[in-house]
């Protein structure tokens, strides 16, 4: 697998403290979906958090854009079933995403909350 095909996503999110348990359950169920996708599709799916502020950093990596889009489809029913109050404060896409995916992920986000880095510096 070429490192050039790997796509990554970093998201800084805020969770309403009253919905923290619901958010954690949603993340736990997402991890189950990630396991079913397998390590050849999802290379990394982590959620770090600061207990005092309920701020989280979600870091994801996929073998390619198709694996990323497949993941989004698989979690869509799960996301719709949870009614937790949380929002994405900053979203970063890293890697060779197609322009239609970049446009879709940018939609509804302020210019200060969305960043796209299409290429990495060579070693």
N, C-alpha and C. Protein backbone atom coordinates (compact mmCIF):
# COMPACT_ATOMS: atom_id res chain seq x y z
N UNK A 1 0.85 -1.18 0.00
CA UNK A 1 0.00 0.00 0.00
C UNK A 1 0.89 1.23 0.00
N UNK A 2 0.54 2.17 -0.83
CA UNK A 2 1.27 3.42 -0.91
C UNK A 2 0.80 4.38 0.16
N UNK A 3 1.75 5.03 0.80
CA UNK A 3 1.39 6.04 1.79
C UNK A 3 0.63 7.18 1.14
N UNK A 4 0.81 7.36 -0.17
CA UNK A 4 0.13 8.45 -0.88
C UNK A 4 -1.38 8.26 -0.94
N UNK A 5 -1.87 7.02 -0.81
CA UNK A 5 -3.31 6.78 -0.90
C UNK A 5 -4.00 6.92 0.45
N UNK A 6 -3.24 6.92 1.55
CA UNK A 6 -3.83 7.00 2.88
C UNK A 6 -4.50 8.36 3.07
N UNK A 7 -5.73 8.33 3.57
CA UNK A 7 -6.44 9.57 3.90
C UNK A 7 -6.67 9.62 5.40
N UNK A 8 -6.60 10.82 5.92
CA UNK A 8 -6.71 11.00 7.37
C UNK A 8 -7.74 12.08 7.67
N UNK A 9 -8.26 12.01 8.88
CA UNK A 9 -9.21 12.99 9.37
C UNK A 9 -8.88 13.25 10.82
N UNK A 10 -8.80 14.52 11.18
CA UNK A 10 -8.68 14.93 12.58
C UNK A 10 -9.86 15.84 12.87
N UNK A 11 -10.53 15.62 13.97
CA UNK A 11 -11.66 16.46 14.34
C UNK A 11 -11.58 16.81 15.82
N UNK A 12 -11.64 18.10 16.10
CA UNK A 12 -11.73 18.56 17.48
C UNK A 12 -13.21 18.79 17.75
N UNK A 13 -13.74 18.15 18.78
CA UNK A 13 -15.17 18.24 19.05
C UNK A 13 -15.43 18.66 20.49
N UNK A 14 -16.58 19.29 20.68
CA UNK A 14 -17.05 19.67 22.01
C UNK A 14 -18.31 18.86 22.30
N UNK A 15 -18.37 18.33 23.51
CA UNK A 15 -19.52 17.53 23.92
C UNK A 15 -20.19 18.22 25.09
N UNK A 16 -21.51 18.32 25.03
CA UNK A 16 -22.25 18.86 26.15
C UNK A 16 -22.10 17.88 27.32
N UNK A 17 -21.64 18.37 28.47
CA UNK A 17 -21.41 17.46 29.61
C UNK A 17 -22.61 16.58 29.96
N UNK A 18 -23.83 17.08 29.79
CA UNK A 18 -25.00 16.26 30.13
C UNK A 18 -25.17 15.08 29.17
N UNK A 19 -24.53 15.15 27.99
CA UNK A 19 -24.62 14.08 27.00
C UNK A 19 -23.34 13.25 26.90
N UNK A 20 -22.44 13.43 27.87
CA UNK A 20 -21.16 12.75 27.81
C UNK A 20 -21.30 11.23 27.74
N UNK A 21 -22.14 10.65 28.57
CA UNK A 21 -22.32 9.19 28.57
C UNK A 21 -22.88 8.70 27.25
N UNK A 22 -23.80 9.44 26.69
CA UNK A 22 -24.37 9.07 25.38
C UNK A 22 -23.30 9.14 24.30
N UNK A 23 -22.51 10.20 24.32
CA UNK A 23 -21.42 10.35 23.34
C UNK A 23 -20.43 9.19 23.46
N UNK A 24 -20.07 8.85 24.69
CA UNK A 24 -19.12 7.74 24.90
C UNK A 24 -19.70 6.42 24.38
N UNK A 25 -20.98 6.20 24.57
CA UNK A 25 -21.63 4.98 24.05
C UNK A 25 -21.59 4.98 22.52
N UNK A 26 -21.84 6.13 21.91
CA UNK A 26 -21.80 6.23 20.45
C UNK A 26 -20.39 5.92 19.94
N UNK A 27 -19.38 6.45 20.60
CA UNK A 27 -17.99 6.16 20.20
C UNK A 27 -17.69 4.67 20.36
N UNK A 28 -18.16 4.08 21.44
CA UNK A 28 -17.94 2.65 21.67
C UNK A 28 -18.57 1.82 20.56
N UNK A 29 -19.78 2.15 20.16
CA UNK A 29 -20.43 1.41 19.09
C UNK A 29 -19.74 1.66 17.75
N UNK A 30 -19.22 2.86 17.57
CA UNK A 30 -18.46 3.16 16.35
C UNK A 30 -17.23 2.26 16.28
N UNK A 31 -16.58 2.06 17.42
CA UNK A 31 -15.40 1.19 17.47
C UNK A 31 -15.75 -0.24 17.04
N UNK A 32 -16.94 -0.70 17.38
CA UNK A 32 -17.37 -2.03 16.95
C UNK A 32 -17.50 -2.10 15.43
N UNK A 33 -18.03 -1.04 14.84
CA UNK A 33 -18.14 -0.97 13.38
C UNK A 33 -16.75 -0.96 12.77
N UNK A 34 -15.85 -0.19 13.35
CA UNK A 34 -14.47 -0.11 12.85
C UNK A 34 -13.83 -1.50 12.87
N UNK A 35 -14.04 -2.26 13.93
CA UNK A 35 -13.50 -3.62 14.00
C UNK A 35 -14.02 -4.48 12.86
N UNK A 36 -15.30 -4.33 12.53
CA UNK A 36 -15.87 -5.13 11.45
C UNK A 36 -15.32 -4.73 10.08
N UNK A 37 -14.87 -3.47 9.96
CA UNK A 37 -14.30 -3.01 8.68
C UNK A 37 -12.92 -3.62 8.45
N UNK A 38 -12.22 -3.88 9.52
CA UNK A 38 -10.92 -4.54 9.42
C UNK A 38 -9.75 -3.60 9.25
N UNK A 39 -8.56 -4.10 9.60
CA UNK A 39 -7.36 -3.28 9.57
C UNK A 39 -6.86 -2.94 8.16
N UNK A 40 -7.41 -3.59 7.14
CA UNK A 40 -7.01 -3.26 5.79
C UNK A 40 -7.80 -2.08 5.23
N UNK A 41 -8.81 -1.62 5.97
CA UNK A 41 -9.59 -0.46 5.57
C UNK A 41 -9.37 0.71 6.52
N UNK A 42 -9.55 0.44 7.82
CA UNK A 42 -9.38 1.48 8.84
C UNK A 42 -8.04 1.25 9.52
N UNK A 43 -7.13 2.17 9.30
CA UNK A 43 -5.79 2.05 9.86
C UNK A 43 -5.71 2.59 11.28
N UNK A 44 -6.55 3.58 11.59
CA UNK A 44 -6.53 4.21 12.91
C UNK A 44 -7.88 4.87 13.15
N UNK A 45 -8.40 4.68 14.36
CA UNK A 45 -9.64 5.34 14.76
C UNK A 45 -9.58 5.52 16.27
N UNK A 46 -9.15 6.70 16.70
CA UNK A 46 -8.95 6.98 18.12
C UNK A 46 -9.72 8.22 18.53
N UNK A 47 -10.15 8.23 19.78
CA UNK A 47 -10.82 9.40 20.35
C UNK A 47 -10.17 9.71 21.69
N UNK A 48 -9.48 10.83 21.74
CA UNK A 48 -8.84 11.29 22.98
C UNK A 48 -9.72 12.39 23.58
N UNK A 49 -9.67 12.54 24.91
CA UNK A 49 -10.52 13.57 25.51
C UNK A 49 -9.87 14.19 26.73
N UNK A 50 -10.33 15.39 27.02
CA UNK A 50 -9.91 16.13 28.21
C UNK A 50 -11.09 16.09 29.17
N UNK A 51 -10.99 15.33 30.27
CA UNK A 51 -12.12 15.15 31.18
C UNK A 51 -12.69 16.44 31.76
N UNK A 52 -11.88 17.43 31.98
CA UNK A 52 -12.36 18.66 32.61
C UNK A 52 -13.21 19.52 31.67
N UNK A 53 -12.99 19.38 30.36
CA UNK A 53 -13.68 20.28 29.41
C UNK A 53 -14.63 19.56 28.45
N UNK A 54 -14.58 18.23 28.43
CA UNK A 54 -15.38 17.44 27.50
C UNK A 54 -15.03 17.76 26.04
N UNK A 55 -13.79 18.17 25.82
CA UNK A 55 -13.25 18.36 24.48
C UNK A 55 -12.62 17.05 24.04
N UNK A 56 -12.81 16.70 22.79
CA UNK A 56 -12.25 15.46 22.25
C UNK A 56 -11.47 15.75 20.98
N UNK A 57 -10.51 14.88 20.72
CA UNK A 57 -9.80 14.89 19.45
C UNK A 57 -9.98 13.51 18.85
N UNK A 58 -10.61 13.48 17.69
CA UNK A 58 -10.84 12.22 16.98
C UNK A 58 -9.83 12.17 15.84
N UNK A 59 -9.07 11.07 15.79
CA UNK A 59 -8.05 10.89 14.77
C UNK A 59 -8.36 9.60 14.02
N UNK A 60 -8.47 9.71 12.70
CA UNK A 60 -8.82 8.56 11.88
C UNK A 60 -7.87 8.49 10.69
N UNK A 61 -7.60 7.27 10.21
CA UNK A 61 -6.82 7.06 9.00
C UNK A 61 -7.40 5.86 8.26
N UNK A 62 -7.49 5.99 6.96
CA UNK A 62 -8.07 4.96 6.10
C UNK A 62 -7.11 4.66 4.96
N UNK A 63 -7.18 3.45 4.44
CA UNK A 63 -6.27 3.07 3.36
C UNK A 63 -6.45 3.93 2.12
N UNK A 64 -7.66 4.41 1.92
CA UNK A 64 -7.92 5.28 0.76
C UNK A 64 -9.29 5.94 0.94
N UNK A 65 -9.65 6.77 -0.01
CA UNK A 65 -10.91 7.49 0.08
C UNK A 65 -12.12 6.54 0.06
N UNK A 66 -12.04 5.48 -0.70
CA UNK A 66 -13.15 4.53 -0.77
C UNK A 66 -13.42 3.91 0.61
N UNK A 67 -12.36 3.58 1.34
CA UNK A 67 -12.53 3.02 2.69
C UNK A 67 -13.15 4.06 3.62
N UNK A 68 -12.75 5.31 3.48
CA UNK A 68 -13.33 6.39 4.28
C UNK A 68 -14.82 6.54 3.99
N UNK A 69 -15.17 6.57 2.70
CA UNK A 69 -16.59 6.73 2.33
C UNK A 69 -17.41 5.53 2.79
N UNK A 70 -16.85 4.34 2.72
CA UNK A 70 -17.53 3.15 3.22
C UNK A 70 -17.79 3.27 4.72
N UNK A 71 -16.80 3.75 5.46
CA UNK A 71 -16.96 3.95 6.90
C UNK A 71 -18.11 4.91 7.18
N UNK A 72 -18.15 6.02 6.45
CA UNK A 72 -19.23 6.99 6.67
C UNK A 72 -20.60 6.37 6.44
N UNK A 73 -20.71 5.53 5.42
CA UNK A 73 -21.99 4.86 5.15
C UNK A 73 -22.36 3.89 6.28
N UNK A 74 -21.37 3.17 6.77
CA UNK A 74 -21.64 2.20 7.84
C UNK A 74 -22.05 2.85 9.15
N UNK A 75 -21.53 4.03 9.44
CA UNK A 75 -21.87 4.68 10.72
C UNK A 75 -23.08 5.60 10.61
N UNK A 76 -23.58 5.83 9.41
CA UNK A 76 -24.72 6.73 9.23
C UNK A 76 -25.93 6.33 10.07
N UNK A 77 -26.37 5.07 10.07
CA UNK A 77 -27.52 4.68 10.92
C UNK A 77 -27.23 4.88 12.40
N UNK A 78 -26.02 4.57 12.82
CA UNK A 78 -25.63 4.75 14.22
C UNK A 78 -25.69 6.22 14.61
N UNK A 79 -25.11 7.07 13.78
CA UNK A 79 -25.12 8.52 14.07
C UNK A 79 -26.54 9.05 14.17
N UNK A 80 -27.42 8.57 13.30
CA UNK A 80 -28.81 9.03 13.30
C UNK A 80 -29.56 8.56 14.54
N UNK A 81 -29.14 7.45 15.12
CA UNK A 81 -29.88 6.91 16.26
C UNK A 81 -29.53 7.57 17.59
N UNK A 82 -28.40 8.28 17.64
CA UNK A 82 -27.99 8.93 18.89
C UNK A 82 -28.37 10.39 18.89
N UNK A 83 -28.89 10.84 20.01
CA UNK A 83 -29.31 12.23 20.16
C UNK A 83 -28.42 12.93 21.19
N UNK A 84 -27.12 12.90 20.96
CA UNK A 84 -26.18 13.57 21.86
C UNK A 84 -25.89 14.97 21.33
N UNK A 85 -25.70 15.90 22.23
CA UNK A 85 -25.37 17.28 21.88
C UNK A 85 -23.85 17.41 21.81
N UNK A 86 -23.32 17.38 20.59
CA UNK A 86 -21.89 17.54 20.36
C UNK A 86 -21.69 18.22 19.02
N UNK A 87 -20.56 18.90 18.87
CA UNK A 87 -20.32 19.58 17.60
C UNK A 87 -18.85 19.51 17.24
N UNK A 88 -18.59 19.59 15.95
CA UNK A 88 -17.23 19.62 15.45
C UNK A 88 -16.77 21.07 15.41
N UNK A 89 -15.73 21.37 16.19
CA UNK A 89 -15.18 22.72 16.25
C UNK A 89 -14.13 22.96 15.17
N UNK A 90 -13.41 21.90 14.82
CA UNK A 90 -12.37 21.99 13.79
C UNK A 90 -12.28 20.63 13.10
N UNK A 91 -12.26 20.67 11.78
CA UNK A 91 -12.18 19.45 10.99
C UNK A 91 -11.02 19.59 10.01
N UNK A 92 -10.12 18.61 10.03
CA UNK A 92 -8.97 18.60 9.13
C UNK A 92 -9.00 17.33 8.29
N UNK A 93 -8.96 17.49 6.98
CA UNK A 93 -8.79 16.37 6.07
C UNK A 93 -7.36 16.41 5.58
N UNK A 94 -6.71 15.25 5.57
CA UNK A 94 -5.31 15.17 5.16
C UNK A 94 -5.15 14.05 4.16
N UNK A 95 -4.61 14.36 3.00
CA UNK A 95 -4.37 13.34 2.00
C UNK A 95 -5.13 13.57 0.72
N UNK A 96 -5.06 12.60 -0.16
CA UNK A 96 -5.65 12.75 -1.50
C UNK A 96 -7.16 12.48 -1.54
N UNK A 97 -7.93 13.41 -1.03
CA UNK A 97 -9.39 13.32 -1.13
C UNK A 97 -9.83 13.92 -2.46
N UNK A 98 -10.91 13.41 -3.03
CA UNK A 98 -11.46 14.01 -4.24
C UNK A 98 -12.16 15.32 -3.88
N UNK A 99 -12.30 16.16 -4.86
CA UNK A 99 -12.87 17.48 -4.62
C UNK A 99 -14.32 17.40 -4.13
N UNK A 100 -15.09 16.41 -4.59
CA UNK A 100 -16.48 16.30 -4.13
C UNK A 100 -16.55 15.92 -2.65
N UNK A 101 -15.61 15.10 -2.15
CA UNK A 101 -15.58 14.76 -0.73
C UNK A 101 -15.16 15.98 0.08
N UNK A 102 -14.17 16.72 -0.40
CA UNK A 102 -13.73 17.93 0.29
C UNK A 102 -14.90 18.92 0.38
N UNK A 103 -15.61 19.11 -0.71
CA UNK A 103 -16.74 20.04 -0.72
C UNK A 103 -17.83 19.58 0.25
N UNK A 104 -18.11 18.28 0.29
CA UNK A 104 -19.15 17.77 1.19
C UNK A 104 -18.75 17.95 2.65
N UNK A 105 -17.49 17.70 2.96
CA UNK A 105 -17.04 17.83 4.35
C UNK A 105 -16.94 19.30 4.76
N UNK A 106 -16.71 20.18 3.80
CA UNK A 106 -16.61 21.62 4.08
C UNK A 106 -18.00 22.23 4.31
N UNK A 107 -19.01 21.65 3.70
CA UNK A 107 -20.37 22.19 3.72
C UNK A 107 -20.86 22.41 5.15
N UNK A 108 -21.36 23.61 5.39
CA UNK A 108 -21.95 23.94 6.68
C UNK A 108 -20.93 24.28 7.76
N UNK A 109 -19.66 24.34 7.41
CA UNK A 109 -18.62 24.68 8.39
C UNK A 109 -18.05 26.05 8.07
N UNK A 110 -17.70 26.77 9.10
CA UNK A 110 -17.10 28.08 8.88
C UNK A 110 -15.69 27.90 8.31
N UNK A 111 -15.20 28.94 7.67
CA UNK A 111 -13.87 28.90 7.08
C UNK A 111 -12.80 28.64 8.14
N UNK A 112 -13.05 29.07 9.36
CA UNK A 112 -12.09 28.88 10.45
C UNK A 112 -12.16 27.49 11.08
N UNK A 113 -13.13 26.68 10.66
CA UNK A 113 -13.31 25.36 11.27
C UNK A 113 -12.93 24.21 10.34
N UNK A 114 -12.69 24.51 9.06
CA UNK A 114 -12.39 23.44 8.11
C UNK A 114 -11.04 23.69 7.44
N UNK A 115 -10.21 22.65 7.41
CA UNK A 115 -8.89 22.74 6.79
C UNK A 115 -8.65 21.50 5.96
N UNK A 116 -8.06 21.69 4.79
CA UNK A 116 -7.74 20.56 3.92
C UNK A 116 -6.28 20.65 3.51
N UNK A 117 -5.56 19.57 3.77
CA UNK A 117 -4.13 19.47 3.41
C UNK A 117 -4.00 18.31 2.43
N UNK A 118 -3.90 18.60 1.13
CA UNK A 118 -3.92 17.53 0.14
C UNK A 118 -2.62 16.75 -0.03
N UNK A 119 -1.48 17.32 0.39
CA UNK A 119 -0.21 16.64 0.12
C UNK A 119 0.71 16.74 1.34
N UNK A 120 1.62 15.77 1.43
CA UNK A 120 2.62 15.79 2.48
C UNK A 120 3.98 16.05 1.86
N UNK A 121 4.88 16.58 2.65
CA UNK A 121 6.24 16.82 2.17
C UNK A 121 6.97 15.49 2.06
N UNK A 122 7.76 15.31 1.02
CA UNK A 122 8.51 14.06 0.90
C UNK A 122 9.57 13.94 1.99
N UNK A 123 9.95 12.71 2.28
CA UNK A 123 10.95 12.46 3.33
C UNK A 123 12.31 12.97 2.91
